[in-house]
C-alpha atoms as a PDB file:
ATOM      1  CA  MET A   1     -33.318  59.546  79.183  1.00  0.00           C
ATOM      2  CA  LEU A   2     -33.990  56.215  80.857  1.00  0.00           C
ATOM      3  CA  SER A   3     -32.970  55.176  84.389  1.00  0.00           C
ATOM      4  CA  ILE A   4     -31.960  51.694  85.535  1.00  0.00           C
ATOM      5  CA  THR A   5     -35.603  51.055  86.674  1.00  0.00           C
ATOM      6  CA  ASP A   6     -36.715  51.451  83.060  1.00  0.00           C
ATOM      7  CA  LEU A   7     -34.476  48.628  81.761  1.00  0.00           C
ATOM      8  CA  LYS A   8     -36.716  45.577  81.400  1.00  0.00           C
ATOM      9  CA  THR A   9     -36.459  42.452  79.168  1.00  0.00           C
ATOM     10  CA  GLY A  10     -36.815  43.560  75.607  1.00  0.00           C
ATOM     11  CA  THR A  11     -35.931  47.270  76.230  1.00  0.00           C
ATOM     12  CA  ILE A  12     -33.711  48.604  73.472  1.00  0.00           C
ATOM     13  CA  PHE A  13     -31.345  51.399  74.473  1.00  0.00           C
ATOM     14  CA  SER A  14     -28.041  53.172  73.849  1.00  0.00           C
ATOM     15  CA  LEU A  15     -25.544  54.056  76.561  1.00  0.00           C
ATOM     16  CA  ALA A  16     -24.709  57.737  76.845  1.00  0.00           C
ATOM     17  CA  LYS A  17     -21.009  56.877  77.143  1.00  0.00           C
ATOM     18  CA  GLU A  18     -21.127  54.597  73.981  1.00  0.00           C
ATOM     19  CA  PRO A  19     -23.016  56.539  71.300  1.00  0.00           C
ATOM     20  CA  GLY A  20     -23.873  54.479  68.251  1.00  0.00           C
ATOM     21  CA  GLN A  21     -24.010  51.129  70.073  1.00  0.00           C
ATOM     22  CA  ILE A  22     -27.514  49.731  70.452  1.00  0.00           C
ATOM     23  CA  TYR A  23     -28.339  47.069  73.081  1.00  0.00           C
ATOM     24  CA  GLU A  24     -31.369  44.949  73.994  1.00  0.00           C
ATOM     25  CA  VAL A  25     -31.951  43.757  77.542  1.00  0.00           C
ATOM     26  CA  LEU A  26     -32.179  39.916  77.542  1.00  0.00           C
ATOM     27  CA  SER A  27     -32.493  39.528  81.307  1.00  0.00           C
ATOM     28  CA  TYR A  28     -32.064  41.665  84.445  1.00  0.00           C
ATOM     29  CA  SER A  29     -32.105  41.532  88.227  1.00  0.00           C
ATOM     30  CA  HIS A  30     -31.929  44.289  90.789  1.00  0.00           C
ATOM     31  CA  SER A  31     -29.561  43.888  93.800  1.00  0.00           C
ATOM     32  CA  LYS A  32     -28.390  45.958  96.697  1.00  0.00           C
ATOM     33  CA  GLN A  33     -24.750  46.126  97.743  1.00  0.00           C
ATOM     34  CA  ALA A  34     -23.963  46.122 101.454  1.00  0.00           C
ATOM     35  CA  ARG A  35     -22.998  49.817 101.815  1.00  0.00           C
ATOM     36  CA  GLY A  36     -23.443  50.798  98.222  1.00  0.00           C
ATOM     37  CA  GLY A  37     -26.566  51.627  96.392  1.00  0.00           C
ATOM     38  CA  ALA A  38     -28.787  49.430  94.308  1.00  0.00           C
ATOM     39  CA  VAL A  39     -27.353  48.062  91.080  1.00  0.00           C
ATOM     40  CA  LEU A  40     -28.905  46.381  88.063  1.00  0.00           C
ATOM     41  CA  ASN A  41     -27.257  43.170  86.804  1.00  0.00           C
ATOM     42  CA  THR A  42     -28.091  42.603  83.146  1.00  0.00           C
ATOM     43  CA  LYS A  43     -27.490  40.320  80.248  1.00  0.00           C
ATOM     44  CA  ILE A  44     -27.581  42.517  77.157  1.00  0.00           C
ATOM     45  CA  ARG A  45     -27.099  41.939  73.424  1.00  0.00           C
ATOM     46  CA  ASN A  46     -25.435  44.391  71.062  1.00  0.00           C
ATOM     47  CA  LEU A  47     -27.874  44.565  68.203  1.00  0.00           C
ATOM     48  CA  LYS A  48     -25.198  45.554  65.664  1.00  0.00           C
ATOM     49  CA  THR A  49     -22.697  42.784  66.457  1.00  0.00           C
ATOM     50  CA  GLY A  50     -24.908  40.162  68.072  1.00  0.00           C
ATOM     51  CA  LYS A  51     -22.457  39.895  70.963  1.00  0.00           C
ATOM     52  CA  VAL A  52     -24.019  39.081  74.397  1.00  0.00           C
ATOM     53  CA  LEU A  53     -22.555  40.810  77.439  1.00  0.00           C
ATOM     54  CA  ARG A  54     -23.126  40.821  81.184  1.00  0.00           C
ATOM     55  CA  SER A  55     -23.211  44.333  82.537  1.00  0.00           C
ATOM     56  CA  THR A  56     -23.832  45.949  85.897  1.00  0.00           C
ATOM     57  CA  PHE A  57     -25.375  49.433  85.957  1.00  0.00           C
ATOM     58  CA  LYS A  58     -25.549  51.988  88.746  1.00  0.00           C
ATOM     59  CA  PRO A  59     -28.321  54.553  89.236  1.00  0.00           C
ATOM     60  CA  SER A  60     -25.917  57.269  87.921  1.00  0.00           C
ATOM     61  CA  ASP A  61     -25.648  55.577  84.507  1.00  0.00           C
ATOM     62  CA  LYS A  62     -27.527  57.294  81.712  1.00  0.00           C
ATOM     63  CA  PHE A  63     -29.359  55.514  78.959  1.00  0.00           C
ATOM     64  CA  GLU A  64     -31.005  56.855  75.826  1.00  0.00           C
ATOM     65  CA  GLU A  65     -34.241  55.275  74.576  1.00  0.00           C
ATOM     66  CA  MET A  66     -34.095  54.595  70.867  1.00  0.00           C
ATOM     67  CA  GLU A  67     -36.784  55.753  68.453  1.00  0.00           C
ATOM     68  CA  LEU A  68     -37.657  52.569  66.749  1.00  0.00           C
ATOM     69  CA  ASP A  69     -40.168  51.564  64.101  1.00  0.00           C
ATOM     70  CA  LYS A  70     -41.962  48.200  64.182  1.00  0.00           C
ATOM     71  CA  ILE A  71     -42.958  46.554  60.908  1.00  0.00           C
ATOM     72  CA  GLU A  72     -45.437  43.638  60.937  1.00  0.00           C
ATOM     73  CA  ALA A  73     -43.875  40.724  59.070  1.00  0.00           C
ATOM     74  CA  ASP A  74     -44.011  36.955  58.525  1.00  0.00           C
ATOM     75  CA  TYR A  75     -41.056  34.583  58.800  1.00  0.00           C
ATOM     76  CA  LEU A  76     -40.778  32.716  55.512  1.00  0.00           C
ATOM     77  CA  TYR A  77     -37.805  30.353  55.476  1.00  0.00           C
ATOM     78  CA  GLN A  78     -34.083  29.933  56.093  1.00  0.00           C
ATOM     79  CA  GLN A  79     -31.646  29.998  53.199  1.00  0.00           C
ATOM     80  CA  GLY A  80     -28.161  28.977  54.359  1.00  0.00           C
ATOM     81  CA  SER A  81     -27.232  31.290  57.227  1.00  0.00           C
ATOM     82  CA  LYS A  82     -29.822  33.900  56.223  1.00  0.00           C
ATOM     83  CA  PHE A  83     -33.422  34.088  57.455  1.00  0.00           C
ATOM     84  CA  VAL A  84     -36.046  35.569  55.092  1.00  0.00           C
ATOM     85  CA  PHE A  85     -38.933  37.709  56.348  1.00  0.00           C
ATOM     86  CA  MET A  86     -41.748  39.474  54.421  1.00  0.00           C
ATOM     87  CA  ASN A  87     -43.264  42.883  55.291  1.00  0.00           C
ATOM     88  CA  ASN A  88     -47.034  42.272  55.596  1.00  0.00           C
ATOM     89  CA  ASN A  89     -47.934  45.639  54.081  1.00  0.00           C
ATOM     90  CA  SER A  90     -45.486  46.172  51.214  1.00  0.00           C
ATOM     91  CA  PHE A  91     -44.664  42.435  50.642  1.00  0.00           C
ATOM     92  CA  GLU A  92     -40.967  43.462  50.549  1.00  0.00           C
ATOM     93  CA  GLN A  93     -38.591  40.683  51.691  1.00  0.00           C
ATOM     94  CA  PHE A  94     -35.783  41.129  54.154  1.00  0.00           C
ATOM     95  CA  GLU A  95     -32.838  38.795  54.915  1.00  0.00           C
ATOM     96  CA  LEU A  96     -31.346  38.760  58.402  1.00  0.00           C
ATOM     97  CA  THR A  97     -28.234  36.964  59.603  1.00  0.00           C
ATOM     98  CA  GLU A  98     -27.861  34.521  62.473  1.00  0.00           C
ATOM     99  CA  ALA A  99     -25.883  37.154  64.385  1.00  0.00           C
ATOM    100  CA  THR A 100     -28.812  39.638  64.100  1.00  0.00           C
ATOM    101  CA  LEU A 101     -31.282  36.993  65.389  1.00  0.00           C
ATOM    102  CA  ALA A 102     -28.991  35.512  68.062  1.00  0.00           C
ATOM    103  CA  ASN A 103     -31.015  33.161  70.306  1.00  0.00           C
ATOM    104  CA  GLN A 104     -34.321  34.126  68.700  1.00  0.00           C
ATOM    105  CA  LYS A 105     -33.694  31.974  65.593  1.00  0.00           C
ATOM    106  CA  GLN A 106     -34.626  28.781  67.493  1.00  0.00           C
ATOM    107  CA  PHE A 107     -38.205  30.063  67.912  1.00  0.00           C
ATOM    108  CA  LEU A 108     -38.808  30.701  64.214  1.00  0.00           C
ATOM    109  CA  LYS A 109     -41.220  28.554  62.201  1.00  0.00           C
ATOM    110  CA  GLU A 110     -42.793  29.085  58.824  1.00  0.00           C
ATOM    111  CA  ASN A 111     -45.478  31.807  58.649  1.00  0.00           C
ATOM    112  CA  LEU A 112     -44.770  33.006  62.228  1.00  0.00           C
ATOM    113  CA  LYS A 113     -46.014  36.607  62.663  1.00  0.00           C
ATOM    114  CA  ILE A 114     -43.246  38.802  64.167  1.00  0.00           C
ATOM    115  CA  ASN A 115     -42.291  42.475  64.244  1.00  0.00           C
ATOM    116  CA  LEU A 116     -39.166  43.742  62.489  1.00  0.00           C
ATOM    117  CA  ILE A 117     -37.434  46.456  64.527  1.00  0.00           C
ATOM    118  CA  SER A 118     -36.096  49.241  62.386  1.00  0.00           C
ATOM    119  CA  LEU A 119     -33.768  52.102  63.302  1.00  0.00           C
ATOM    120  CA  ASN A 120     -33.136  54.759  60.640  1.00  0.00           C
ATOM    121  CA  ASN A 121     -34.637  52.452  57.963  1.00  0.00           C
ATOM    122  CA  GLU A 122     -32.277  49.603  58.909  1.00  0.00           C
ATOM    123  CA  ILE A 123     -33.623  46.298  60.355  1.00  0.00           C
ATOM    124  CA  ILE A 124     -31.664  45.695  63.548  1.00  0.00           C
ATOM    125  CA  ALA A 125     -33.726  43.052  65.328  1.00  0.00           C
ATOM    126  CA  ILE A 126     -36.985  41.130  65.504  1.00  0.00           C
ATOM    127  CA  GLU A 127     -39.674  41.054  68.211  1.00  0.00           C
ATOM    128  CA  LEU A 128     -41.174  37.631  68.756  1.00  0.00           C
ATOM    129  CA  PRO A 129     -44.703  37.023  70.146  1.00  0.00           C
ATOM    130  CA  ILE A 130     -44.589  36.409  73.893  1.00  0.00           C
ATOM    131  CA  LYS A 131     -46.017  32.898  73.533  1.00  0.00           C
ATOM    132  CA  ILE A 132     -45.699  30.566  70.517  1.00  0.00           C
ATOM    133  CA  ALA A 133     -47.439  27.217  69.993  1.00  0.00           C
ATOM    134  CA  TYR A 134     -45.284  24.181  69.099  1.00  0.00           C
ATOM    135  CA  GLU A 135     -46.015  20.554  68.564  1.00  0.00           C
ATOM    136  CA  VAL A 136     -44.343  18.108  70.976  1.00  0.00           C
ATOM    137  CA  LYS A 137     -42.371  15.702  68.845  1.00  0.00           C
ATOM    138  CA  ASN A 138     -40.764  13.579  71.552  1.00  0.00           C
ATOM    139  CA  ALA A 139     -41.775  13.095  75.225  1.00  0.00           C
ATOM    140  CA  PRO A 140     -41.258  10.451  77.896  1.00  0.00           C
ATOM    141  CA  PRO A 141     -44.296   8.300  78.705  1.00  0.00           C
ATOM    142  CA  VAL A 142     -47.221   9.916  80.546  1.00  0.00           C
ATOM    143  CA  ILE A 143     -47.404   9.156  84.268  1.00  0.00           C
ATOM    144  CA  LYS A 144     -50.926   8.388  85.544  1.00  0.00           C
ATOM    145  CA  ASN A 145     -52.522  10.925  87.833  1.00  0.00           C
ATOM    146  CA  ALA A 146     -49.912  13.590  87.089  1.00  0.00           C
ATOM    147  CA  THR A 147     -51.298  17.068  87.508  1.00  0.00           C
ATOM    148  CA  ILE A 148     -49.904  20.589  87.262  1.00  0.00           C
ATOM    149  CA  SER A 149     -50.236  21.015  91.022  1.00  0.00           C
ATOM    150  CA  SER A 150     -47.975  18.038  91.641  1.00  0.00           C
ATOM    151  CA  GLY A 151     -45.024  20.100  90.293  1.00  0.00           C
ATOM    152  CA  ALA A 152     -43.401  17.143  88.575  1.00  0.00           C
ATOM    153  CA  SER A 153     -42.022  17.818  85.099  1.00  0.00           C
ATOM    154  CA  LYS A 154     -40.156  16.145  82.266  1.00  0.00           C
ATOM    155  CA  LYS A 155     -38.105  17.305  79.283  1.00  0.00           C
ATOM    156  CA  VAL A 156     -39.939  17.319  75.994  1.00  0.00           C
ATOM    157  CA  LYS A 157     -38.537  17.971  72.518  1.00  0.00           C
ATOM    158  CA  LEU A 158     -40.506  20.337  70.230  1.00  0.00           C
ATOM    159  CA  GLU A 159     -40.906  20.538  66.460  1.00  0.00           C
ATOM    160  CA  ASN A 160     -38.202  23.244  66.296  1.00  0.00           C
ATOM    161  CA  GLY A 161     -35.679  21.117  68.261  1.00  0.00           C
ATOM    162  CA  LEU A 162     -36.050  23.165  71.441  1.00  0.00           C
ATOM    163  CA  GLU A 163     -36.276  21.200  74.664  1.00  0.00           C
ATOM    164  CA  VAL A 164     -38.383  22.483  77.552  1.00  0.00           C
ATOM    165  CA  GLU A 165     -39.548  21.262  80.913  1.00  0.00           C
ATOM    166  CA  ALA A 166     -43.269  20.396  80.753  1.00  0.00           C
ATOM    167  CA  PRO A 167     -45.778  18.752  83.165  1.00  0.00           C
ATOM    168  CA  MET A 168     -45.774  14.988  83.274  1.00  0.00           C
ATOM    169  CA  PHE A 169     -49.148  14.651  81.461  1.00  0.00           C
ATOM    170  CA  ILE A 170     -47.866  16.202  78.179  1.00  0.00           C
ATOM    171  CA  LYS A 171     -47.382  13.655  75.452  1.00  0.00           C
ATOM    172  CA  ALA A 172     -46.029  13.573  71.893  1.00  0.00           C
ATOM    173  CA  GLY A 173     -48.418  15.032  69.299  1.00  0.00           C
ATOM    174  CA  GLN A 174     -49.879  17.644  71.691  1.00  0.00           C
ATOM    175  CA  THR A 175     -49.371  21.345  71.078  1.00  0.00           C
ATOM    176  CA  ILE A 176     -48.016  23.467  73.853  1.00  0.00           C
ATOM    177  CA  LEU A 177     -47.219  27.173  74.383  1.00  0.00           C
ATOM    178  CA  VAL A 178     -43.649  28.329  75.072  1.00  0.00           C
ATOM    179  CA  ASP A 179     -42.807  31.680  76.585  1.00  0.00           C
ATOM    180  CA  THR A 180     -40.154  33.199  74.279  1.00  0.00           C
ATOM    181  CA  ARG A 181     -38.737  35.396  77.056  1.00  0.00           C
ATOM    182  CA  THR A 182     -38.021  32.595  79.511  1.00  0.00           C
ATOM    183  CA  ARG A 183     -37.934  29.564  77.173  1.00  0.00           C
ATOM    184  CA  GLU A 184     -40.362  27.790  79.506  1.00  0.00           C
ATOM    185  CA  TYR A 185     -43.614  25.858  79.183  1.00  0.00           C
ATOM    186  CA  ALA A 186     -46.547  28.306  79.314  1.00  0.00           C
ATOM    187  CA  GLY A 187     -49.542  25.990  78.960  1.00  0.00           C
ATOM    188  CA  ARG A 188     -51.431  23.875  76.427  1.00  0.00           C
ATOM    189  CA  SER A 189     -52.417  25.421  73.154  1.00  0.00           C
ATOM    190  CA  GLN A 190     -56.005  25.641  72.178  1.00  0.00           C
ATOM    191  CA  GLU A 191     -55.157  25.152  68.451  1.00  0.00           C
END
């Protein structure tokens, strides 16, 4: 059994009061009520339906950790509303829907190495790398003498269409790293 302190971003669990429903923590924050105890405010995604919920948990809530298998795979391509992945060991291909991928689909690019998350031989989710390199396709002009320490940023558009805040010295054509958990700039890529 898990407690509320075990629920972190990416944790996959089942609620004791809702057997059969599997959730993934997308974000969380601890808070303390005035006279009450500590609570955990979360944004969770039902891995079977793709529905995203906001939930508040108390220390008395019980969670069951799921026994999951991870399969190394590559993202191949999108075909309509399906996304095709290939198991790196057996070369078997899997199709996942947009609902299964939810917000993760915007991070996919050809040949991206990911993990398929399997429960009872059924693929229920994917696990992205923490940082992924993308080419900057569109960026406002560079400002002279801009540094990371100045704190100034601008919105840049990446090859996958995602827009992120990046330092002022980033220009189109450069490759940057994006943190897939926070959807934020995580540095310049060495590629």
